[in-house]
Amino acid sequence: MLTSKQRAYLRGLASTEDTILQIGKNGINDNLITQVDDALKARELIKMSVLETAPVTAQEAAYSLAEATKSEVVTTIGSKLVLFRRNPQDIKIELPKAKKQ
């Protein structure tokens, strides 16, 4: 589970990233889930966009894909969404430490 500080840090990183995948009229299917899974494995943080022709909103798509790929939703803004999943074998993004309770 991401803290608000970690989420804010990831949002900042994502703002400079390019959109690498789009959700179109076919919506969320097995092929898209596989692409998202592979992209998360390679990059940890991915930015996607939802086209106007898509049958889902960015928020619906974000939570659906997060569940399917066991990733976390960083943010959804308009038609854009950002997902994050740590790759324990190849850590690319060092998150700020969570405060001890």
N, C-alpha and C. Protein backbone atom coordinates (compact mmCIF):
# COMPACT_ATOMS: atom_id res chain seq x y z
N MET A 1 0.84 -1.18 0.00
CA MET A 1 0.00 0.00 0.00
C MET A 1 0.89 1.26 0.00
N LEU A 2 0.62 2.15 -0.90
CA LEU A 2 1.41 3.37 -1.01
C LEU A 2 0.93 4.43 0.00
N THR A 3 1.89 5.16 0.56
CA THR A 3 1.53 6.28 1.42
C THR A 3 1.24 7.49 0.52
N SER A 4 0.66 8.53 1.08
CA SER A 4 0.36 9.72 0.27
C SER A 4 1.65 10.38 -0.21
N LYS A 5 2.70 10.30 0.60
CA LYS A 5 4.00 10.87 0.20
C LYS A 5 4.58 10.09 -0.99
N GLN A 6 4.50 8.77 -0.94
CA GLN A 6 5.00 7.93 -2.03
C GLN A 6 4.17 8.16 -3.29
N ARG A 7 2.87 8.28 -3.12
CA ARG A 7 1.96 8.52 -4.25
C ARG A 7 2.31 9.85 -4.93
N ALA A 8 2.55 10.88 -4.10
CA ALA A 8 2.91 12.20 -4.63
C ALA A 8 4.24 12.14 -5.38
N TYR A 9 5.20 11.39 -4.84
CA TYR A 9 6.50 11.22 -5.48
C TYR A 9 6.33 10.55 -6.85
N LEU A 10 5.52 9.48 -6.89
CA LEU A 10 5.28 8.76 -8.15
C LEU A 10 4.53 9.64 -9.16
N ARG A 11 3.60 10.45 -8.68
CA ARG A 11 2.87 11.39 -9.57
C ARG A 11 3.85 12.33 -10.24
N GLY A 12 4.82 12.81 -9.46
CA GLY A 12 5.85 13.70 -10.00
C GLY A 12 6.68 13.01 -11.07
N LEU A 13 7.06 11.77 -10.82
CA LEU A 13 7.83 11.02 -11.82
C LEU A 13 7.00 10.79 -13.09
N ALA A 14 5.73 10.46 -12.90
CA ALA A 14 4.85 10.15 -14.03
C ALA A 14 4.59 11.37 -14.90
N SER A 15 4.67 12.56 -14.32
CA SER A 15 4.35 13.77 -15.09
C SER A 15 5.31 13.97 -16.26
N THR A 16 6.53 13.43 -16.16
CA THR A 16 7.49 13.57 -17.25
C THR A 16 7.50 12.34 -18.17
N GLU A 17 6.77 11.30 -17.80
CA GLU A 17 6.72 10.08 -18.60
C GLU A 17 5.80 10.25 -19.80
N ASP A 18 6.08 9.49 -20.85
CA ASP A 18 5.19 9.44 -22.00
C ASP A 18 4.08 8.43 -21.76
N THR A 19 2.94 8.64 -22.40
CA THR A 19 1.85 7.67 -22.35
C THR A 19 2.27 6.49 -23.22
N ILE A 20 2.32 5.28 -22.63
CA ILE A 20 2.81 4.15 -23.42
C ILE A 20 1.72 3.21 -23.91
N LEU A 21 0.53 3.27 -23.31
CA LEU A 21 -0.56 2.40 -23.75
C LEU A 21 -1.86 3.21 -23.81
N GLN A 22 -2.76 2.79 -24.69
CA GLN A 22 -4.06 3.44 -24.80
C GLN A 22 -5.15 2.39 -24.71
N ILE A 23 -6.25 2.78 -24.11
CA ILE A 23 -7.43 1.91 -24.04
C ILE A 23 -8.43 2.49 -25.03
N GLY A 24 -8.80 1.68 -26.00
CA GLY A 24 -9.72 2.13 -27.05
C GLY A 24 -11.07 1.46 -26.98
N LYS A 25 -11.70 1.33 -28.13
CA LYS A 25 -13.07 0.82 -28.19
C LYS A 25 -13.22 -0.62 -27.73
N ASN A 26 -12.11 -1.39 -27.72
CA ASN A 26 -12.17 -2.77 -27.25
C ASN A 26 -12.15 -2.88 -25.73
N GLY A 27 -11.90 -1.76 -25.08
CA GLY A 27 -11.90 -1.76 -23.61
C GLY A 27 -10.76 -2.58 -23.04
N ILE A 28 -11.02 -3.17 -21.89
CA ILE A 28 -9.99 -3.95 -21.20
C ILE A 28 -10.19 -5.42 -21.55
N ASN A 29 -9.20 -5.97 -22.23
CA ASN A 29 -9.26 -7.39 -22.61
C ASN A 29 -7.97 -8.08 -22.17
N ASP A 30 -7.89 -9.38 -22.39
CA ASP A 30 -6.72 -10.16 -21.95
C ASP A 30 -5.43 -9.64 -22.56
N ASN A 31 -5.50 -9.25 -23.84
CA ASN A 31 -4.32 -8.74 -24.53
C ASN A 31 -3.79 -7.47 -23.84
N LEU A 32 -4.69 -6.55 -23.51
CA LEU A 32 -4.29 -5.31 -22.84
C LEU A 32 -3.71 -5.60 -21.46
N ILE A 33 -4.35 -6.50 -20.73
CA ILE A 33 -3.86 -6.86 -19.39
C ILE A 33 -2.44 -7.41 -19.48
N THR A 34 -2.17 -8.24 -20.48
CA THR A 34 -0.82 -8.80 -20.68
C THR A 34 0.17 -7.68 -20.99
N GLN A 35 -0.21 -6.74 -21.85
CA GLN A 35 0.67 -5.62 -22.19
C GLN A 35 0.98 -4.77 -20.96
N VAL A 36 -0.05 -4.50 -20.16
CA VAL A 36 0.13 -3.70 -18.94
C VAL A 36 1.05 -4.44 -17.97
N ASP A 37 0.83 -5.73 -17.81
CA ASP A 37 1.63 -6.56 -16.91
C ASP A 37 3.10 -6.52 -17.33
N ASP A 38 3.35 -6.70 -18.63
CA ASP A 38 4.73 -6.68 -19.15
C ASP A 38 5.38 -5.31 -18.95
N ALA A 39 4.60 -4.25 -19.21
CA ALA A 39 5.13 -2.89 -19.06
C ALA A 39 5.47 -2.60 -17.60
N LEU A 40 4.61 -3.05 -16.68
CA LEU A 40 4.88 -2.84 -15.25
C LEU A 40 6.13 -3.60 -14.82
N LYS A 41 6.31 -4.80 -15.36
CA LYS A 41 7.49 -5.61 -15.04
C LYS A 41 8.76 -4.88 -15.49
N ALA A 42 8.70 -4.27 -16.67
CA ALA A 42 9.87 -3.60 -17.25
C ALA A 42 10.13 -2.23 -16.63
N ARG A 43 9.06 -1.47 -16.31
CA ARG A 43 9.22 -0.08 -15.91
C ARG A 43 8.81 0.26 -14.49
N GLU A 44 7.95 -0.53 -13.88
CA GLU A 44 7.35 -0.29 -12.56
C GLU A 44 6.29 0.80 -12.56
N LEU A 45 6.48 1.86 -13.32
CA LEU A 45 5.53 2.98 -13.36
C LEU A 45 5.11 3.21 -14.80
N ILE A 46 3.81 3.13 -15.07
CA ILE A 46 3.35 3.35 -16.44
C ILE A 46 2.20 4.35 -16.48
N LYS A 47 2.15 5.08 -17.59
CA LYS A 47 1.11 6.08 -17.80
C LYS A 47 0.32 5.64 -19.03
N MET A 48 -0.99 5.68 -18.90
CA MET A 48 -1.88 5.25 -19.99
C MET A 48 -2.94 6.31 -20.24
N SER A 49 -3.55 6.21 -21.40
CA SER A 49 -4.68 7.11 -21.67
C SER A 49 -5.88 6.29 -22.13
N VAL A 50 -7.05 6.84 -21.86
CA VAL A 50 -8.30 6.20 -22.26
C VAL A 50 -8.91 7.07 -23.36
N LEU A 51 -9.09 6.48 -24.52
CA LEU A 51 -9.65 7.22 -25.65
C LEU A 51 -11.15 7.45 -25.46
N GLU A 52 -11.68 8.43 -26.18
CA GLU A 52 -13.12 8.74 -26.07
C GLU A 52 -14.00 7.56 -26.49
N THR A 53 -13.47 6.71 -27.36
CA THR A 53 -14.26 5.57 -27.86
C THR A 53 -14.30 4.41 -26.87
N ALA A 54 -13.52 4.48 -25.81
CA ALA A 54 -13.46 3.38 -24.85
C ALA A 54 -14.76 3.26 -24.06
N PRO A 55 -15.15 2.02 -23.74
CA PRO A 55 -16.39 1.81 -22.98
C PRO A 55 -16.23 2.04 -21.47
N VAL A 56 -15.03 2.40 -21.02
CA VAL A 56 -14.78 2.63 -19.59
C VAL A 56 -14.16 4.01 -19.37
N THR A 57 -14.33 4.53 -18.16
CA THR A 57 -13.68 5.79 -17.80
C THR A 57 -12.25 5.48 -17.36
N ALA A 58 -11.43 6.51 -17.23
CA ALA A 58 -10.05 6.31 -16.78
C ALA A 58 -10.03 5.69 -15.39
N GLN A 59 -10.93 6.14 -14.53
CA GLN A 59 -10.96 5.61 -13.16
C GLN A 59 -11.37 4.14 -13.14
N GLU A 60 -12.41 3.79 -13.90
CA GLU A 60 -12.83 2.38 -13.98
C GLU A 60 -11.70 1.53 -14.52
N ALA A 61 -11.06 2.01 -15.57
CA ALA A 61 -9.95 1.27 -16.19
C ALA A 61 -8.80 1.09 -15.21
N ALA A 62 -8.46 2.16 -14.49
CA ALA A 62 -7.34 2.12 -13.55
C ALA A 62 -7.54 1.04 -12.48
N TYR A 63 -8.72 1.05 -11.86
CA TYR A 63 -8.95 0.08 -10.78
C TYR A 63 -9.11 -1.34 -11.30
N SER A 64 -9.68 -1.48 -12.47
CA SER A 64 -9.83 -2.80 -13.08
C SER A 64 -8.46 -3.38 -13.45
N LEU A 65 -7.61 -2.56 -14.07
CA LEU A 65 -6.26 -3.01 -14.45
C LEU A 65 -5.39 -3.24 -13.22
N ALA A 66 -5.54 -2.40 -12.20
CA ALA A 66 -4.75 -2.57 -10.98
C ALA A 66 -5.07 -3.92 -10.33
N GLU A 67 -6.35 -4.26 -10.32
CA GLU A 67 -6.76 -5.54 -9.74
C GLU A 67 -6.23 -6.70 -10.58
N ALA A 68 -6.33 -6.60 -11.89
CA ALA A 68 -5.91 -7.67 -12.80
C ALA A 68 -4.39 -7.88 -12.79
N THR A 69 -3.63 -6.80 -12.54
CA THR A 69 -2.17 -6.90 -12.59
C THR A 69 -1.51 -6.82 -11.22
N LYS A 70 -2.33 -6.78 -10.17
CA LYS A 70 -1.83 -6.66 -8.80
C LYS A 70 -0.91 -5.45 -8.64
N SER A 71 -1.32 -4.34 -9.26
CA SER A 71 -0.56 -3.09 -9.16
C SER A 71 -1.37 -2.08 -8.36
N GLU A 72 -0.84 -0.88 -8.21
CA GLU A 72 -1.55 0.16 -7.47
C GLU A 72 -1.83 1.36 -8.36
N VAL A 73 -2.99 1.95 -8.16
CA VAL A 73 -3.35 3.16 -8.90
C VAL A 73 -2.64 4.32 -8.22
N VAL A 74 -1.83 5.04 -8.99
CA VAL A 74 -1.16 6.22 -8.44
C VAL A 74 -2.09 7.41 -8.57
N THR A 75 -2.66 7.61 -9.77
CA THR A 75 -3.57 8.72 -9.98
C THR A 75 -4.37 8.52 -11.26
N THR A 76 -5.51 9.18 -11.32
CA THR A 76 -6.26 9.29 -12.57
C THR A 76 -6.62 10.76 -12.71
N ILE A 77 -6.27 11.33 -13.85
CA ILE A 77 -6.60 12.73 -14.12
C ILE A 77 -7.16 12.79 -15.53
N GLY A 78 -8.42 13.21 -15.64
CA GLY A 78 -9.07 13.27 -16.96
C GLY A 78 -9.06 11.90 -17.60
N SER A 79 -8.44 11.79 -18.79
CA SER A 79 -8.41 10.51 -19.49
C SER A 79 -7.10 9.76 -19.26
N LYS A 80 -6.25 10.26 -18.36
CA LYS A 80 -4.96 9.62 -18.08
C LYS A 80 -5.02 8.85 -16.77
N LEU A 81 -4.22 7.77 -16.73
CA LEU A 81 -4.11 7.01 -15.49
C LEU A 81 -2.67 6.55 -15.33
N VAL A 82 -2.25 6.40 -14.09
CA VAL A 82 -0.89 5.97 -13.79
C VAL A 82 -0.95 4.79 -12.83
N LEU A 83 -0.23 3.72 -13.18
CA LEU A 83 -0.17 2.52 -12.34
C LEU A 83 1.27 2.28 -11.90
N PHE A 84 1.43 1.66 -10.73
CA PHE A 84 2.74 1.33 -10.20
C PHE A 84 2.73 -0.07 -9.63
N ARG A 85 3.79 -0.81 -9.90
CA ARG A 85 3.98 -2.12 -9.26
C ARG A 85 5.46 -2.37 -9.10
N ARG A 86 5.89 -2.60 -7.88
CA ARG A 86 7.29 -2.89 -7.57
C ARG A 86 7.70 -4.20 -8.24
N ASN A 87 8.89 -4.21 -8.85
CA ASN A 87 9.47 -5.43 -9.40
C ASN A 87 10.62 -5.84 -8.48
N PRO A 88 10.38 -6.84 -7.60
CA PRO A 88 11.40 -7.18 -6.59
C PRO A 88 12.72 -7.65 -7.21
N GLN A 89 12.70 -8.21 -8.43
CA GLN A 89 13.93 -8.69 -9.07
C GLN A 89 14.74 -7.55 -9.69
N ASP A 90 14.09 -6.44 -10.01
CA ASP A 90 14.77 -5.36 -10.72
C ASP A 90 14.16 -4.02 -10.31
N ILE A 91 14.51 -3.55 -9.12
CA ILE A 91 13.93 -2.30 -8.61
C ILE A 91 14.49 -1.11 -9.37
N LYS A 92 13.60 -0.35 -9.99
CA LYS A 92 14.01 0.81 -10.78
C LYS A 92 13.70 2.13 -10.04
N ILE A 93 12.67 2.13 -9.22
CA ILE A 93 12.24 3.36 -8.55
C ILE A 93 12.39 3.19 -7.04
N GLU A 94 13.18 4.07 -6.44
CA GLU A 94 13.36 4.04 -4.99
C GLU A 94 12.32 4.97 -4.36
N LEU A 95 11.38 4.38 -3.64
CA LEU A 95 10.30 5.18 -3.02
C LEU A 95 10.78 5.83 -1.73
N PRO A 96 10.21 7.00 -1.40
CA PRO A 96 10.49 7.58 -0.08
C PRO A 96 10.02 6.60 0.99
N LYS A 97 10.74 6.53 2.08
CA LYS A 97 10.38 5.59 3.16
C LYS A 97 9.08 6.02 3.84
N ALA A 98 8.29 5.01 4.20
CA ALA A 98 7.06 5.28 4.96
C ALA A 98 7.46 5.54 6.41
N LYS A 99 6.77 6.47 7.06
CA LYS A 99 7.06 6.77 8.47
C LYS A 99 6.64 5.60 9.34
N LYS A 100 7.44 5.34 10.36
CA LYS A 100 7.10 4.28 11.31
C LYS A 100 5.96 4.75 12.22
N GLN A 101 5.02 3.86 12.44
CA GLN A 101 3.86 4.21 13.28
C GLN A 101 4.19 4.01 14.73
